[in-house]
C-alpha atoms as a PDB file:
ATOM      1  CA  MET A   1     -16.769 -28.671   6.431  1.00  0.00           C
ATOM      2  CA  ALA A   2     -19.088 -28.031   9.350  1.00  0.00           C
ATOM      3  CA  ILE A   3     -21.315 -25.132  10.282  1.00  0.00           C
ATOM      4  CA  ILE A   4     -20.752 -23.945  13.845  1.00  0.00           C
ATOM      5  CA  ARG A   5     -22.568 -21.369  15.915  1.00  0.00           C
ATOM      6  CA  ASP A   6     -20.687 -18.229  16.974  1.00  0.00           C
ATOM      7  CA  GLY A   7     -23.030 -16.140  19.094  1.00  0.00           C
ATOM      8  CA  ASP A   8     -26.044 -15.329  16.915  1.00  0.00           C
ATOM      9  CA  TYR A   9     -24.227 -16.293  13.708  1.00  0.00           C
ATOM     10  CA  PHE A  10     -23.588 -19.569  11.901  1.00  0.00           C
ATOM     11  CA  VAL A  11     -20.049 -19.860  10.547  1.00  0.00           C
ATOM     12  CA  ASP A  12     -18.274 -22.232   8.144  1.00  0.00           C
ATOM     13  CA  ASP A  13     -15.554 -23.721  10.369  1.00  0.00           C
ATOM     14  CA  VAL A  14     -13.104 -24.018   7.452  1.00  0.00           C
ATOM     15  CA  THR A  15     -13.389 -20.654   5.693  1.00  0.00           C
ATOM     16  CA  GLY A  16     -14.738 -18.531   8.554  1.00  0.00           C
ATOM     17  CA  GLU A  17     -17.487 -17.278   6.261  1.00  0.00           C
ATOM     18  CA  VAL A  18     -20.710 -16.275   8.023  1.00  0.00           C
ATOM     19  CA  VAL A  19     -23.503 -18.294   6.426  1.00  0.00           C
ATOM     20  CA  GLY A  20     -26.504 -17.404   8.558  1.00  0.00           C
ATOM     21  CA  HIS A  21     -28.060 -15.756  11.606  1.00  0.00           C
ATOM     22  CA  ALA A  22     -29.976 -17.486  14.381  1.00  0.00           C
ATOM     23  CA  ARG A  23     -32.722 -14.835  14.426  1.00  0.00           C
ATOM     24  CA  PHE A  24     -33.521 -14.937  10.740  1.00  0.00           C
ATOM     25  CA  GLY A  25     -33.256 -17.685   8.167  1.00  0.00           C
ATOM     26  CA  GLU A  26     -33.363 -17.798   4.395  1.00  0.00           C
ATOM     27  CA  ASP A  27     -37.076 -17.009   4.457  1.00  0.00           C
ATOM     28  CA  PHE A  28     -36.531 -13.671   6.272  1.00  0.00           C
ATOM     29  CA  HIS A  29     -37.067 -10.585   4.095  1.00  0.00           C
ATOM     30  CA  ILE A  30     -37.345  -6.905   4.965  1.00  0.00           C
ATOM     31  CA  ASN A  31     -41.015  -6.091   4.495  1.00  0.00           C
ATOM     32  CA  THR A  32     -41.675  -3.639   7.305  1.00  0.00           C
ATOM     33  CA  LEU A  33     -39.975  -0.750   9.025  1.00  0.00           C
ATOM     34  CA  GLU A  34     -39.550  -3.008  12.077  1.00  0.00           C
ATOM     35  CA  ASP A  35     -37.664  -5.540   9.914  1.00  0.00           C
ATOM     36  CA  ALA A  36     -35.423  -2.743   8.598  1.00  0.00           C
ATOM     37  CA  LYS A  37     -34.765  -1.437  12.129  1.00  0.00           C
ATOM     38  CA  PHE A  38     -33.819  -4.951  13.255  1.00  0.00           C
ATOM     39  CA  VAL A  39     -31.285  -5.389  10.427  1.00  0.00           C
ATOM     40  CA  LEU A  40     -29.882  -1.871  10.871  1.00  0.00           C
ATOM     41  CA  GLN A  41     -29.500  -2.551  14.598  1.00  0.00           C
ATOM     42  CA  LYS A  42     -27.389  -5.622  13.751  1.00  0.00           C
ATOM     43  CA  MET A  43     -25.302  -3.586  11.257  1.00  0.00           C
ATOM     44  CA  ARG A  44     -24.826  -0.795  13.786  1.00  0.00           C
ATOM     45  CA  GLY A  45     -23.753  -3.355  16.383  1.00  0.00           C
ATOM     46  CA  CYS A  46     -21.061  -4.620  13.998  1.00  0.00           C
ATOM     47  CA  ASP A  47     -19.883  -1.069  13.252  1.00  0.00           C
ATOM     48  CA  THR A  48     -19.802  -0.221  16.969  1.00  0.00           C
ATOM     49  CA  ARG A  49     -17.734  -3.322  17.767  1.00  0.00           C
ATOM     50  CA  LEU A  50     -15.359  -2.564  14.854  1.00  0.00           C
ATOM     51  CA  PHE A  51     -14.949   1.034  16.069  1.00  0.00           C
ATOM     52  CA  ALA A  52     -14.277  -0.156  19.632  1.00  0.00           C
ATOM     53  CA  LEU A  53     -11.718  -2.703  18.423  1.00  0.00           C
ATOM     54  CA  ALA A  54      -9.980  -0.053  16.283  1.00  0.00           C
ATOM     55  CA  ALA A  55      -9.755   2.259  19.317  1.00  0.00           C
ATOM     56  CA  GLU A  56      -8.444  -0.563  21.498  1.00  0.00           C
ATOM     57  CA  LYS A  57      -5.932  -1.568  18.814  1.00  0.00           C
ATOM     58  CA  ALA A  58      -4.705   2.038  18.500  1.00  0.00           C
ATOM     59  CA  SER A  59      -4.319   2.280  22.274  1.00  0.00           C
ATOM     60  CA  ILE A  60      -2.436  -1.021  22.477  1.00  0.00           C
ATOM     61  CA  LEU A  61      -0.194  -0.083  19.540  1.00  0.00           C
ATOM     62  CA  SER A  62       0.553   3.265  21.190  1.00  0.00           C
ATOM     63  CA  ASP A  63       1.583   1.477  24.391  1.00  0.00           C
ATOM     64  CA  ILE A  64       3.677  -1.033  22.438  1.00  0.00           C
ATOM     65  CA  THR A  65       5.390   1.792  20.512  1.00  0.00           C
ATOM     66  CA  ARG A  66       6.285   3.501  23.794  1.00  0.00           C
ATOM     67  CA  MET A  67       7.586   0.221  25.201  1.00  0.00           C
ATOM     68  CA  GLU A  68       9.624  -0.387  22.015  1.00  0.00           C
ATOM     69  CA  LYS A  69      11.226   3.059  22.357  1.00  0.00           C
ATOM     70  CA  ASP A  70      12.106   2.346  25.998  1.00  0.00           C
ATOM     71  CA  ILE A  71      13.660  -0.994  25.089  1.00  0.00           C
ATOM     72  CA  GLN A  72      15.500   0.531  22.106  1.00  0.00           C
ATOM     73  CA  ARG A  73      17.050   3.137  24.440  1.00  0.00           C
ATOM     74  CA  GLN A  74      18.198   0.289  26.712  1.00  0.00           C
ATOM     75  CA  LYS A  75      19.702  -1.544  23.732  1.00  0.00           C
ATOM     76  CA  ASP A  76      21.394   1.663  22.516  1.00  0.00           C
ATOM     77  CA  TYR A  77      22.985   2.030  25.953  1.00  0.00           C
ATOM     78  CA  LEU A  78      24.199  -1.596  25.946  1.00  0.00           C
ATOM     79  CA  ASN A  79      25.644  -1.155  22.443  1.00  0.00           C
ATOM     80  CA  TRP A  80      27.371   2.100  23.412  1.00  0.00           C
ATOM     81  CA  ARG A  81      28.709   0.636  26.656  1.00  0.00           C
ATOM     82  CA  PHE A  82      29.768  -2.849  25.598  1.00  0.00           C
ATOM     83  CA  THR A  83      30.291  -3.119  21.819  1.00  0.00           C
ATOM     84  CA  PRO A  84      33.885  -1.770  22.070  1.00  0.00           C
ATOM     85  CA  GLN A  85      34.585  -4.337  24.803  1.00  0.00           C
ATOM     86  CA  LEU A  86      33.051  -7.158  22.748  1.00  0.00           C
ATOM     87  CA  GLU A  87      35.189  -6.092  19.793  1.00  0.00           C
ATOM     88  CA  ARG A  88      38.337  -6.086  21.971  1.00  0.00           C
ATOM     89  CA  LEU A  89      37.485  -9.585  23.244  1.00  0.00           C
ATOM     90  CA  ALA A  90      36.849 -10.815  19.690  1.00  0.00           C
ATOM     91  CA  GLN A  91      40.220  -9.456  18.588  1.00  0.00           C
ATOM     92  CA  GLU A  92      41.949 -11.275  21.463  1.00  0.00           C
ATOM     93  CA  LYS A  93      40.121 -14.601  21.045  1.00  0.00           C
ATOM     94  CA  LEU A  94      40.098 -14.704  17.232  1.00  0.00           C
ATOM     95  CA  GLU A  95      43.650 -13.487  16.577  1.00  0.00           C
ATOM     96  CA  GLY A  96      45.424 -16.044  14.404  1.00  0.00           C
ATOM     97  CA  ASN A  97      42.252 -18.113  14.202  1.00  0.00           C
ATOM     98  CA  SER A  98      40.542 -18.986  10.916  1.00  0.00           C
ATOM     99  CA  ARG A  99      37.190 -18.487  12.628  1.00  0.00           C
ATOM    100  CA  LYS A 100      35.778 -14.972  12.563  1.00  0.00           C
ATOM    101  CA  THR A 101      32.848 -15.452  14.967  1.00  0.00           C
ATOM    102  CA  LEU A 102      32.458 -16.212  18.675  1.00  0.00           C
ATOM    103  CA  GLN A 103      29.242 -18.077  19.513  1.00  0.00           C
ATOM    104  CA  THR A 104      27.308 -17.977  22.799  1.00  0.00           C
ATOM    105  CA  PRO A 105      23.862 -19.300  23.748  1.00  0.00           C
ATOM    106  CA  PHE A 106      22.571 -15.714  23.527  1.00  0.00           C
ATOM    107  CA  GLY A 107      24.066 -14.665  20.221  1.00  0.00           C
ATOM    108  CA  LYS A 108      27.301 -14.293  18.349  1.00  0.00           C
ATOM    109  CA  PHE A 109      29.837 -11.566  17.675  1.00  0.00           C
ATOM    110  CA  GLY A 110      32.880 -11.243  15.516  1.00  0.00           C
ATOM    111  CA  TYR A 111      33.849  -9.974  12.100  1.00  0.00           C
ATOM    112  CA  ARG A 112      32.221 -10.106   8.689  1.00  0.00           C
ATOM    113  CA  VAL A 113      33.988  -9.236   5.481  1.00  0.00           C
ATOM    114  CA  THR A 114      31.903  -7.271   2.994  1.00  0.00           C
ATOM    115  CA  ARG A 115      32.250  -8.100  -0.680  1.00  0.00           C
ATOM    116  CA  GLY A 116      34.304  -5.803  -2.814  1.00  0.00           C
ATOM    117  CA  SER A 117      32.356  -3.944  -5.470  1.00  0.00           C
ATOM    118  CA  ILE A 118      32.300  -1.081  -7.925  1.00  0.00           C
ATOM    119  CA  ALA A 119      30.606   2.166  -6.902  1.00  0.00           C
ATOM    120  CA  VAL A 120      29.925   5.447  -8.608  1.00  0.00           C
ATOM    121  CA  ASN A 121      32.636   8.029  -8.013  1.00  0.00           C
ATOM    122  CA  LEU A 122      30.594  10.702  -6.224  1.00  0.00           C
ATOM    123  CA  ASP A 123      32.887  13.439  -7.583  1.00  0.00           C
ATOM    124  CA  GLN A 124      31.776  12.434 -11.091  1.00  0.00           C
ATOM    125  CA  GLU A 125      28.191  11.338 -10.347  1.00  0.00           C
ATOM    126  CA  ALA A 126      26.406  13.920 -12.529  1.00  0.00           C
ATOM    127  CA  GLU A 127      28.616  13.246 -15.557  1.00  0.00           C
ATOM    128  CA  CYS A 128      28.352   9.485 -15.000  1.00  0.00           C
ATOM    129  CA  LEU A 129      24.565   9.718 -14.864  1.00  0.00           C
ATOM    130  CA  GLN A 130      24.564  11.629 -18.139  1.00  0.00           C
ATOM    131  CA  GLN A 131      26.796   8.994 -19.807  1.00  0.00           C
ATOM    132  CA  VAL A 132      24.743   6.060 -18.488  1.00  0.00           C
ATOM    133  CA  ALA A 133      21.475   7.768 -19.521  1.00  0.00           C
ATOM    134  CA  HIS A 134      22.924   8.211 -23.021  1.00  0.00           C
ATOM    135  CA  LEU A 135      23.788   4.494 -23.176  1.00  0.00           C
ATOM    136  CA  VAL A 136      20.275   3.601 -21.987  1.00  0.00           C
ATOM    137  CA  ALA A 137      18.705   5.929 -24.572  1.00  0.00           C
ATOM    138  CA  ASN A 138      20.738   4.258 -27.334  1.00  0.00           C
ATOM    139  CA  GLY A 139      19.742   0.764 -26.207  1.00  0.00           C
ATOM    140  CA  ILE A 140      23.250  -0.200 -25.098  1.00  0.00           C
ATOM    141  CA  LEU A 141      22.219  -0.541 -21.449  1.00  0.00           C
ATOM    142  CA  PRO A 142      18.853  -1.681 -20.069  1.00  0.00           C
ATOM    143  CA  LEU A 143      16.513   0.865 -18.529  1.00  0.00           C
ATOM    144  CA  SER A 144      17.076  -0.890 -15.200  1.00  0.00           C
ATOM    145  CA  ALA A 145      20.594   0.636 -15.072  1.00  0.00           C
ATOM    146  CA  ILE A 146      18.993   3.859 -13.788  1.00  0.00           C
ATOM    147  CA  LYS A 147      16.469   4.117 -10.981  1.00  0.00           C
ATOM    148  CA  ILE A 148      13.669   6.674 -11.130  1.00  0.00           C
ATOM    149  CA  THR A 149      15.405   8.331  -8.179  1.00  0.00           C
ATOM    150  CA  ARG A 150      18.237   8.931 -10.627  1.00  0.00           C
ATOM    151  CA  LYS A 151      20.542   6.571  -8.791  1.00  0.00           C
ATOM    152  CA  ILE A 152      22.947   4.663 -10.962  1.00  0.00           C
ATOM    153  CA  LEU A 153      22.704   0.921 -10.392  1.00  0.00           C
ATOM    154  CA  VAL A 154      26.231  -0.244 -10.982  1.00  0.00           C
ATOM    155  CA  SER A 155      25.178  -3.885 -10.666  1.00  0.00           C
ATOM    156  CA  ASN A 156      23.214  -3.508 -13.939  1.00  0.00           C
ATOM    157  CA  ILE A 157      26.161  -2.087 -15.887  1.00  0.00           C
ATOM    158  CA  PRO A 158      28.541  -4.636 -17.441  1.00  0.00           C
ATOM    159  CA  ASP A 159      32.233  -4.467 -16.569  1.00  0.00           C
ATOM    160  CA  SER A 160      33.023  -3.763 -20.242  1.00  0.00           C
ATOM    161  CA  VAL A 161      31.028  -0.508 -20.099  1.00  0.00           C
ATOM    162  CA  ILE A 162      32.550   0.451 -16.741  1.00  0.00           C
ATOM    163  CA  ALA A 163      36.003  -0.089 -18.252  1.00  0.00           C
ATOM    164  CA  GLN A 164      35.212   2.484 -20.956  1.00  0.00           C
ATOM    165  CA  MET A 165      34.396   5.145 -18.319  1.00  0.00           C
ATOM    166  CA  PRO A 166      36.919   4.551 -15.499  1.00  0.00           C
ATOM    167  CA  GLU A 167      36.808   8.158 -14.291  1.00  0.00           C
ATOM    168  CA  TYR A 168      33.179   7.704 -13.239  1.00  0.00           C
ATOM    169  CA  PHE A 169      33.634   4.623 -11.060  1.00  0.00           C
ATOM    170  CA  ILE A 170      35.743   3.630  -8.078  1.00  0.00           C
ATOM    171  CA  LYS A 171      36.647   0.215  -6.735  1.00  0.00           C
ATOM    172  CA  VAL A 172      35.281  -0.501  -3.259  1.00  0.00           C
ATOM    173  CA  ASP A 173      37.548  -2.922  -1.448  1.00  0.00           C
ATOM    174  CA  PRO A 174      36.193  -5.568   0.899  1.00  0.00           C
ATOM    175  CA  VAL A 175      35.892  -4.283   4.456  1.00  0.00           C
ATOM    176  CA  GLU A 176      36.007  -6.262   7.676  1.00  0.00           C
ATOM    177  CA  LYS A 177      33.248  -5.020   9.988  1.00  0.00           C
ATOM    178  CA  PHE A 178      32.568  -5.944  13.584  1.00  0.00           C
ATOM    179  CA  PHE A 179      29.059  -7.228  14.374  1.00  0.00           C
ATOM    180  CA  VAL A 180      26.943  -8.371  17.317  1.00  0.00           C
ATOM    181  CA  ASP A 181      23.960 -10.606  16.538  1.00  0.00           C
ATOM    182  CA  THR A 182      21.532 -11.897  19.191  1.00  0.00           C
ATOM    183  CA  SER A 183      19.650 -13.910  16.497  1.00  0.00           C
ATOM    184  CA  VAL A 184      16.329 -12.579  17.779  1.00  0.00           C
ATOM    185  CA  LYS A 185      15.558 -11.116  14.343  1.00  0.00           C
ATOM    186  CA  GLU A 186      15.563 -14.620  12.876  1.00  0.00           C
ATOM    187  CA  VAL A 187      12.977 -15.730  15.445  1.00  0.00           C
ATOM    188  CA  LYS A 188      10.863 -12.598  14.789  1.00  0.00           C
ATOM    189  CA  ASP A 189      10.964 -13.286  11.025  1.00  0.00           C
ATOM    190  CA  THR A 190       9.854 -16.886  11.658  1.00  0.00           C
ATOM    191  CA  VAL A 191       6.919 -15.695  13.764  1.00  0.00           C
ATOM    192  CA  LYS A 192       5.963 -13.206  11.025  1.00  0.00           C
ATOM    193  CA  GLU A 193       6.091 -15.948   8.373  1.00  0.00           C
ATOM    194  CA  GLU A 194       3.897 -18.187  10.537  1.00  0.00           C
ATOM    195  CA  GLU A 195       1.370 -15.354  10.965  1.00  0.00           C
ATOM    196  CA  GLU A 196       1.314 -14.798   7.185  1.00  0.00           C
ATOM    197  CA  ASP A 197       0.810 -18.529   6.547  1.00  0.00           C
ATOM    198  CA  GLY A 198      -1.890 -18.804   9.247  1.00  0.00           C
END
């Protein structure tokens, strides 16, 4: 650990903690109105700089938000214009192939198969909720089977219970969905993780 000078302040170079001020040491105490004015001037200076930084940050974020919207509109256009063509190309190139994805240096596109699952039959949702709530109240199902939003969490209901109430649930078959992935999200997530670690 070393103490370094940052303007008028002395800072611990490891923790960033401010440990002193060049204009007053440990022996400085507020004994006069002049001493108080000096300290208040320093506090006001900090508040003024914080206020200025907050205004600058808000301005920068506003500009970035506008730029993000512009770029999103460009991406929406590209998706609208070219996703059907990418899907057609994927169908041609992947037909009869065990691979489901075409890879390029700028991203990949192809097909993903969603997992099959069980979902609540929306025509019977109210009755199903009542039945599941009854099972929760009697300790047969855990409280986690129902969200506070009153959504039924099928993943927390055992198959044996679902089998007893087949009218309330429907089987959702796996679905093959076309996708385009530029992999930029993965890079963005890595940068975010590095910022959190730093």
